[in-house]
């Protein structure tokens, strides 16, 4: 059976703060490790009141320090926001502290709006169009240093840190195929091009020194509970988050509600964005996941769950781990 992993957006809850979000993140990571999840990724977002993981490499270090075996990494670092040398040094530091456990997932989006992107990038002159060049520079910093090399990542040079390309279109899929790198599609919020992107990735994949055959991950919202009704209610927190984003009023993750107040157009938009969501009881989750896997044929699923109540969030990932074990038999 394909591996299951966790994507944590470190949600800030309505009435809570970033400190509580980080405590919940570490607690979930420790449970995920015990439940057998393969990796635990955190995402870079900026100027979004409901997401705490803006300083992604710092949070990765916090999670890695509090766990012992699970892989920890970025899903992802938005490379145009940073000088490649800085990322090489940050992840070289993480790999030196937690050897053999660090992943570097990279995206080319800003991770926020254009005003935020300008504030982050200042005069770097880097944007999504320069992503292939930035990626090549970053990868070069991880090569073994040679005598006389004037610029090197310390730490970083000579370290074997797995690099994954992330995307919500076919651009990064094509680049990952060309370079022989693993690819993760953000189908948990941008489902429209998943089949096109993965088909192209698999068709044009070139084996490399780091990967012999394609490895395609997909993001899936998984909201599991003991009954379908309980799961559907928990799901309304994520639906509200997308609804508020559409309305231009992003904010902390809200508690679930019995009824959503939205227009038909808003409902259609939210339903489209959350198309790849598995919501229900253990039996329903198992059935829906089986159908999704048969349809897309991913090599790995990375599940995310924007659930307001932390205990319910833990329970959702526990159910998913149980379902995964059942599917392996």
Protein backbone atom coordinates (compact mmCIF):
# COMPACT_ATOMS: atom_id res chain seq x y z
CA UNK A 1 0.00 0.00 0.00
CA UNK A 2 1.19 3.52 -0.74
CA UNK A 3 2.51 5.59 2.20
CA UNK A 4 0.30 8.13 3.95
CA UNK A 5 1.77 11.37 5.25
CA UNK A 6 0.60 14.54 7.01
CA UNK A 7 0.48 18.12 5.74
CA UNK A 8 -0.03 20.52 8.65
CA UNK A 9 -1.05 24.12 7.99
CA UNK A 10 -0.55 24.93 11.69
CA UNK A 11 -4.04 26.44 11.98
CA UNK A 12 -4.59 29.38 14.31
CA UNK A 13 -8.01 28.89 15.86
CA UNK A 14 -10.58 31.59 16.44
CA UNK A 15 -9.93 32.75 20.00
CA UNK A 16 -6.46 31.17 19.99
CA UNK A 17 -2.97 32.24 18.97
CA UNK A 18 0.17 31.02 17.21
CA UNK A 19 1.66 29.61 20.41
CA UNK A 20 -1.31 27.28 20.82
CA UNK A 21 -1.11 26.36 17.13
CA UNK A 22 2.51 25.29 17.54
CA UNK A 23 1.72 23.19 20.61
CA UNK A 24 -1.01 21.45 18.65
CA UNK A 25 1.36 20.93 15.72
CA UNK A 26 3.93 19.17 17.87
CA UNK A 27 1.29 17.06 19.58
CA UNK A 28 -0.14 15.97 16.24
CA UNK A 29 3.34 15.19 14.90
CA UNK A 30 4.12 13.00 17.91
CA UNK A 31 0.85 11.11 17.45
CA UNK A 32 1.44 10.82 13.70
CA UNK A 33 4.84 9.26 14.38
CA UNK A 34 3.28 6.66 16.69
CA UNK A 35 0.52 5.93 14.20
CA UNK A 36 2.99 5.16 11.42
CA UNK A 37 2.70 8.16 9.10
CA UNK A 38 5.61 8.41 6.69
CA UNK A 39 6.40 12.14 6.78
CA UNK A 40 5.15 15.37 8.35
CA UNK A 41 5.26 18.52 6.26
CA UNK A 42 4.59 22.18 7.06
CA UNK A 43 3.72 24.89 4.55
CA UNK A 44 5.01 28.43 4.05
CA UNK A 45 2.21 31.01 4.04
CA UNK A 46 2.51 34.71 4.83
CA UNK A 47 0.11 37.39 6.03
CA UNK A 48 -2.68 34.83 6.50
CA UNK A 49 -4.23 35.18 9.97
CA UNK A 50 -5.24 31.51 10.19
CA UNK A 51 -1.86 29.90 9.42
CA UNK A 52 1.07 30.02 11.85
CA UNK A 53 3.87 28.38 9.83
CA UNK A 54 5.30 31.45 8.06
CA UNK A 55 8.81 30.78 9.44
CA UNK A 56 8.61 27.25 8.07
CA UNK A 57 12.17 26.06 8.71
CA UNK A 58 11.92 27.18 12.35
CA UNK A 59 8.74 25.15 12.86
CA UNK A 60 10.30 22.16 11.10
CA UNK A 61 13.15 22.27 13.61
CA UNK A 62 10.65 22.44 16.47
CA UNK A 63 8.79 19.38 15.19
CA UNK A 64 11.94 17.42 14.40
CA UNK A 65 13.29 18.10 17.89
CA UNK A 66 10.10 16.74 19.44
CA UNK A 67 9.99 13.55 17.35
CA UNK A 68 12.53 10.84 16.62
CA UNK A 69 11.75 8.79 13.50
CA UNK A 70 9.19 10.48 11.26
CA UNK A 71 10.51 12.49 8.31
CA UNK A 72 9.87 16.23 8.70
CA UNK A 73 9.96 18.83 5.97
CA UNK A 74 8.39 21.60 3.96
CA UNK A 75 5.31 21.36 1.84
CA UNK A 76 6.62 23.72 0.84
CA UNK A 77 9.17 26.49 0.95
CA UNK A 78 8.23 29.13 -1.63
CA UNK A 79 11.66 29.50 -3.20
CA UNK A 80 11.13 32.86 -5.00
CA UNK A 81 10.70 34.46 -1.56
CA UNK A 82 14.25 33.56 -0.55
CA UNK A 83 17.84 33.65 -1.70
CA UNK A 84 18.71 30.03 -2.57
CA UNK A 85 21.82 30.20 -0.38
CA UNK A 86 19.68 31.02 2.67
CA UNK A 87 17.47 27.96 2.08
CA UNK A 88 20.53 25.78 1.53
CA UNK A 89 21.97 26.94 4.85
CA UNK A 90 18.67 26.54 6.72
CA UNK A 91 18.03 23.02 5.47
CA UNK A 92 21.69 22.12 5.74
CA UNK A 93 21.39 23.10 9.40
CA UNK A 94 18.23 21.03 9.84
CA UNK A 95 19.78 17.99 8.15
CA UNK A 96 22.91 18.33 10.31
CA UNK A 97 20.78 18.42 13.46
CA UNK A 98 18.35 15.66 12.41
CA UNK A 99 20.26 13.54 9.87
CA UNK A 100 18.26 11.42 7.47
CA UNK A 101 14.89 12.93 8.44
CA UNK A 102 14.60 16.22 6.56
CA UNK A 103 12.69 16.83 3.30
CA UNK A 104 12.81 20.01 1.22
CA UNK A 105 9.62 20.57 -0.74
CA UNK A 106 9.72 23.65 -2.98
CA UNK A 107 7.07 25.77 -4.66
CA UNK A 108 7.19 28.80 -6.92
CA UNK A 109 4.12 30.70 -5.64
CA UNK A 110 4.45 33.62 -3.21
CA UNK A 111 2.53 31.94 -0.38
CA UNK A 112 0.45 35.09 0.04
CA UNK A 113 -0.86 38.08 -1.89
CA UNK A 114 1.21 40.32 -4.17
CA UNK A 115 1.64 43.02 -1.53
CA UNK A 116 3.12 40.39 0.80
CA UNK A 117 5.30 39.02 -1.99
CA UNK A 118 6.81 42.47 -2.56
CA UNK A 119 7.47 42.89 1.15
CA UNK A 120 9.21 39.52 1.30
CA UNK A 121 11.32 39.83 -1.82
CA UNK A 122 12.32 43.48 -1.65
CA UNK A 123 15.07 43.90 -4.24
CA UNK A 124 15.94 40.25 -4.86
CA UNK A 125 14.46 40.44 -8.35
CA UNK A 126 13.21 36.85 -8.05
CA UNK A 127 9.78 35.62 -9.03
CA UNK A 128 8.02 32.49 -10.22
CA UNK A 129 9.56 32.84 -13.68
CA UNK A 130 13.06 32.50 -12.25
CA UNK A 131 12.16 29.33 -10.33
CA UNK A 132 14.13 26.91 -12.56
CA UNK A 133 17.28 29.04 -12.19
CA UNK A 134 16.78 29.45 -8.44
CA UNK A 135 16.27 25.70 -8.12
CA UNK A 136 19.46 24.94 -10.05
CA UNK A 137 21.41 27.34 -7.82
CA UNK A 138 19.94 25.78 -4.66
CA UNK A 139 20.73 22.23 -5.78
CA UNK A 140 24.30 23.26 -6.58
CA UNK A 141 24.83 24.37 -2.99
CA UNK A 142 24.17 20.80 -1.85
CA UNK A 143 26.90 19.39 -4.10
CA UNK A 144 30.17 18.44 -2.35
CA UNK A 145 32.42 21.46 -2.02
CA UNK A 146 35.65 21.52 -4.03
CA UNK A 147 39.02 23.12 -3.36
CA UNK A 148 39.00 26.79 -4.19
CA UNK A 149 35.21 27.11 -4.20
CA UNK A 150 34.52 30.71 -3.24
CA UNK A 151 30.84 30.36 -2.30
CA UNK A 152 29.41 27.42 -0.43
CA UNK A 153 26.57 26.58 1.95
CA UNK A 154 27.92 25.93 5.44
CA UNK A 155 26.26 23.70 6.50
CA UNK A 156 24.69 22.28 3.37
CA UNK A 157 27.48 21.32 0.97
CA UNK A 158 27.65 17.56 0.48
CA UNK A 159 24.40 16.79 2.31
CA UNK A 160 21.85 14.54 0.64
CA UNK A 161 18.57 16.34 1.32
CA UNK A 162 15.65 15.03 -0.77
CA UNK A 163 14.08 17.77 -2.89
CA UNK A 164 10.43 17.64 -3.98
CA UNK A 165 8.75 20.01 -6.40
CA UNK A 166 5.25 21.19 -5.51
CA UNK A 167 2.63 22.69 -7.75
CA UNK A 168 -1.00 23.30 -8.64
CA UNK A 169 -0.48 23.33 -12.42
CA UNK A 170 1.64 21.48 -14.94
CA UNK A 171 4.65 23.86 -14.76
CA UNK A 172 6.44 22.27 -11.80
CA UNK A 173 5.23 18.82 -12.90
CA UNK A 174 7.06 19.26 -16.21
CA UNK A 175 10.17 20.56 -14.45
CA UNK A 176 10.14 17.67 -11.96
CA UNK A 177 9.86 15.22 -14.85
CA UNK A 178 12.76 16.84 -16.70
CA UNK A 179 15.00 16.78 -13.60
CA UNK A 180 13.93 13.36 -12.33
CA UNK A 181 12.56 14.68 -9.04
CA UNK A 182 9.50 13.65 -7.01
CA UNK A 183 6.43 15.83 -7.47
CA UNK A 184 3.54 16.76 -5.15
CA UNK A 185 0.29 18.22 -6.49
CA UNK A 186 -1.77 20.59 -4.32
CA UNK A 187 -5.07 18.89 -5.08
CA UNK A 188 -6.35 19.63 -1.57
CA UNK A 189 -7.14 23.20 -2.71
CA UNK A 190 -6.49 23.27 -6.49
CA UNK A 191 -7.98 20.11 -7.98
CA UNK A 192 -8.56 21.16 -11.58
CA UNK A 193 -5.31 20.07 -13.22
CA UNK A 194 -4.27 17.10 -11.12
CA UNK A 195 -4.80 14.46 -13.82
CA UNK A 196 -3.21 16.60 -16.54
CA UNK A 197 -0.19 17.42 -14.38
CA UNK A 198 0.40 13.86 -13.19
CA UNK A 199 -0.12 12.38 -16.64
CA UNK A 200 2.51 14.71 -18.09
CA UNK A 201 4.85 14.10 -15.18
CA UNK A 202 4.71 10.33 -15.63
CA UNK A 203 4.91 10.44 -19.42
CA UNK A 204 7.97 12.70 -19.59
CA UNK A 205 9.82 11.59 -16.45
CA UNK A 206 13.58 11.23 -16.91
CA UNK A 207 15.32 8.90 -14.44
CA UNK A 208 17.98 10.65 -12.41
CA UNK A 209 20.62 9.93 -9.81
CA UNK A 210 18.05 10.62 -7.08
CA UNK A 211 14.96 8.89 -8.50
CA UNK A 212 14.65 5.93 -10.87
CA UNK A 213 10.91 6.23 -11.54
CA UNK A 214 8.19 8.85 -10.97
CA UNK A 215 6.97 9.53 -7.46
CA UNK A 216 3.72 11.50 -7.45
CA UNK A 217 2.15 12.73 -4.21
CA UNK A 218 -1.30 14.29 -3.93
CA UNK A 219 -2.74 16.46 -1.18
CA UNK A 220 -6.13 15.35 0.15
CA UNK A 221 -8.38 16.87 2.79
CA UNK A 222 -9.33 14.04 5.12
CA UNK A 223 -11.97 14.75 7.75
CA UNK A 224 -12.81 11.54 9.60
CA UNK A 225 -15.02 10.95 12.61
CA UNK A 226 -16.96 8.10 14.14
CA UNK A 227 -20.03 8.91 12.03
CA UNK A 228 -20.67 10.56 8.67
CA UNK A 229 -22.73 13.25 10.37
CA UNK A 230 -19.97 14.18 12.82
CA UNK A 231 -17.40 14.35 10.01
CA UNK A 232 -19.67 16.51 7.82
CA UNK A 233 -20.06 19.00 10.67
CA UNK A 234 -16.30 19.12 11.31
CA UNK A 235 -15.82 19.75 7.58
CA UNK A 236 -17.69 23.07 7.85
CA UNK A 237 -14.61 24.67 9.44
CA UNK A 238 -12.64 24.09 6.24
CA UNK A 239 -15.60 25.18 4.12
CA UNK A 240 -15.83 28.41 6.09
CA UNK A 241 -12.10 28.98 5.60
CA UNK A 242 -12.42 28.75 1.81
CA UNK A 243 -15.62 30.80 1.87
CA UNK A 244 -13.93 33.62 3.79
CA UNK A 245 -10.98 33.46 1.38
CA UNK A 246 -13.35 33.87 -1.57
CA UNK A 247 -14.96 36.84 0.16
CA UNK A 248 -11.58 38.45 0.77
CA UNK A 249 -11.73 38.08 4.55
CA UNK A 250 -9.25 35.36 5.56
CA UNK A 251 -9.04 34.77 9.27
CA UNK A 252 -8.51 32.20 12.01
CA UNK A 253 -10.04 28.75 11.66
CA UNK A 254 -13.62 28.90 12.87
CA UNK A 255 -15.59 26.32 14.85
CA UNK A 256 -17.98 24.06 12.92
CA UNK A 257 -21.54 25.18 12.30
CA UNK A 258 -24.84 23.42 11.65
CA UNK A 259 -25.57 25.46 8.54
CA UNK A 260 -23.45 27.49 6.11
CA UNK A 261 -24.73 30.85 4.94
CA UNK A 262 -23.57 31.07 1.34
CA UNK A 263 -24.86 31.84 -2.12
CA UNK A 264 -25.17 29.11 -4.79
CA UNK A 265 -22.14 30.55 -6.60
CA UNK A 266 -20.08 30.56 -3.40
CA UNK A 267 -21.13 27.02 -2.61
CA UNK A 268 -20.14 25.89 -6.11
CA UNK A 269 -16.75 27.59 -5.79
CA UNK A 270 -16.02 26.05 -2.37
CA UNK A 271 -17.16 22.62 -3.55
CA UNK A 272 -14.80 22.86 -6.53
CA UNK A 273 -11.83 23.85 -4.38
CA UNK A 274 -12.52 21.02 -1.91
CA UNK A 275 -13.22 18.40 -4.58
CA UNK A 276 -10.47 16.12 -3.30
CA UNK A 277 -11.83 15.82 0.21
CA UNK A 278 -12.59 12.57 1.99
CA UNK A 279 -15.21 13.16 4.67
CA UNK A 280 -16.98 10.59 6.79
CA UNK A 281 -16.92 7.61 9.09
CA UNK A 282 -14.14 5.01 8.91
CA UNK A 283 -16.13 2.96 6.41
CA UNK A 284 -16.85 6.00 4.24
CA UNK A 285 -13.24 7.18 4.38
CA UNK A 286 -11.98 3.75 3.35
CA UNK A 287 -14.37 3.61 0.40
CA UNK A 288 -13.70 7.16 -0.79
CA UNK A 289 -9.93 6.77 -0.48
CA UNK A 290 -10.05 3.52 -2.44
CA UNK A 291 -11.97 5.24 -5.24
CA UNK A 292 -9.56 8.19 -5.25
CA UNK A 293 -6.50 5.94 -5.37
CA UNK A 294 -7.99 3.88 -8.19
CA UNK A 295 -8.71 7.08 -10.14
CA UNK A 296 -5.44 9.01 -9.70
CA UNK A 297 -2.97 6.21 -8.86
CA UNK A 298 -0.76 8.35 -6.58
CA UNK A 299 2.48 7.01 -5.16
CA UNK A 300 1.78 8.75 -1.85
CA UNK A 301 -1.07 10.58 -0.17
CA UNK A 302 -0.36 13.56 2.05
CA UNK A 303 -3.43 14.32 4.13
CA UNK A 304 -4.40 17.60 5.69
CA UNK A 305 -7.24 18.28 8.12
CA UNK A 306 -8.38 21.77 9.05
CA UNK A 307 -10.41 20.75 12.11
CA UNK A 308 -11.18 23.27 14.85
CA UNK A 309 -11.17 20.96 17.86
CA UNK A 310 -7.70 19.51 18.45
CA UNK A 311 -9.00 16.29 19.96
CA UNK A 312 -11.26 15.77 16.95
CA UNK A 313 -8.30 16.46 14.66
CA UNK A 314 -6.24 13.83 16.42
CA UNK A 315 -9.13 11.39 16.15
CA UNK A 316 -9.43 12.07 12.42
CA UNK A 317 -5.78 11.21 11.80
CA UNK A 318 -6.06 8.16 14.06
CA UNK A 319 -9.00 6.90 12.00
CA UNK A 320 -7.06 7.54 8.78
CA UNK A 321 -4.09 5.55 10.13
CA UNK A 322 -6.43 2.66 11.02
CA UNK A 323 -7.97 2.78 7.54
CA UNK A 324 -4.49 2.75 6.00
CA UNK A 325 -3.58 -0.39 7.93
CA UNK A 326 -6.81 -2.06 6.81
CA UNK A 327 -6.08 -1.18 3.19
CA UNK A 328 -2.61 -2.74 3.49
CA UNK A 329 -4.02 -6.14 4.43
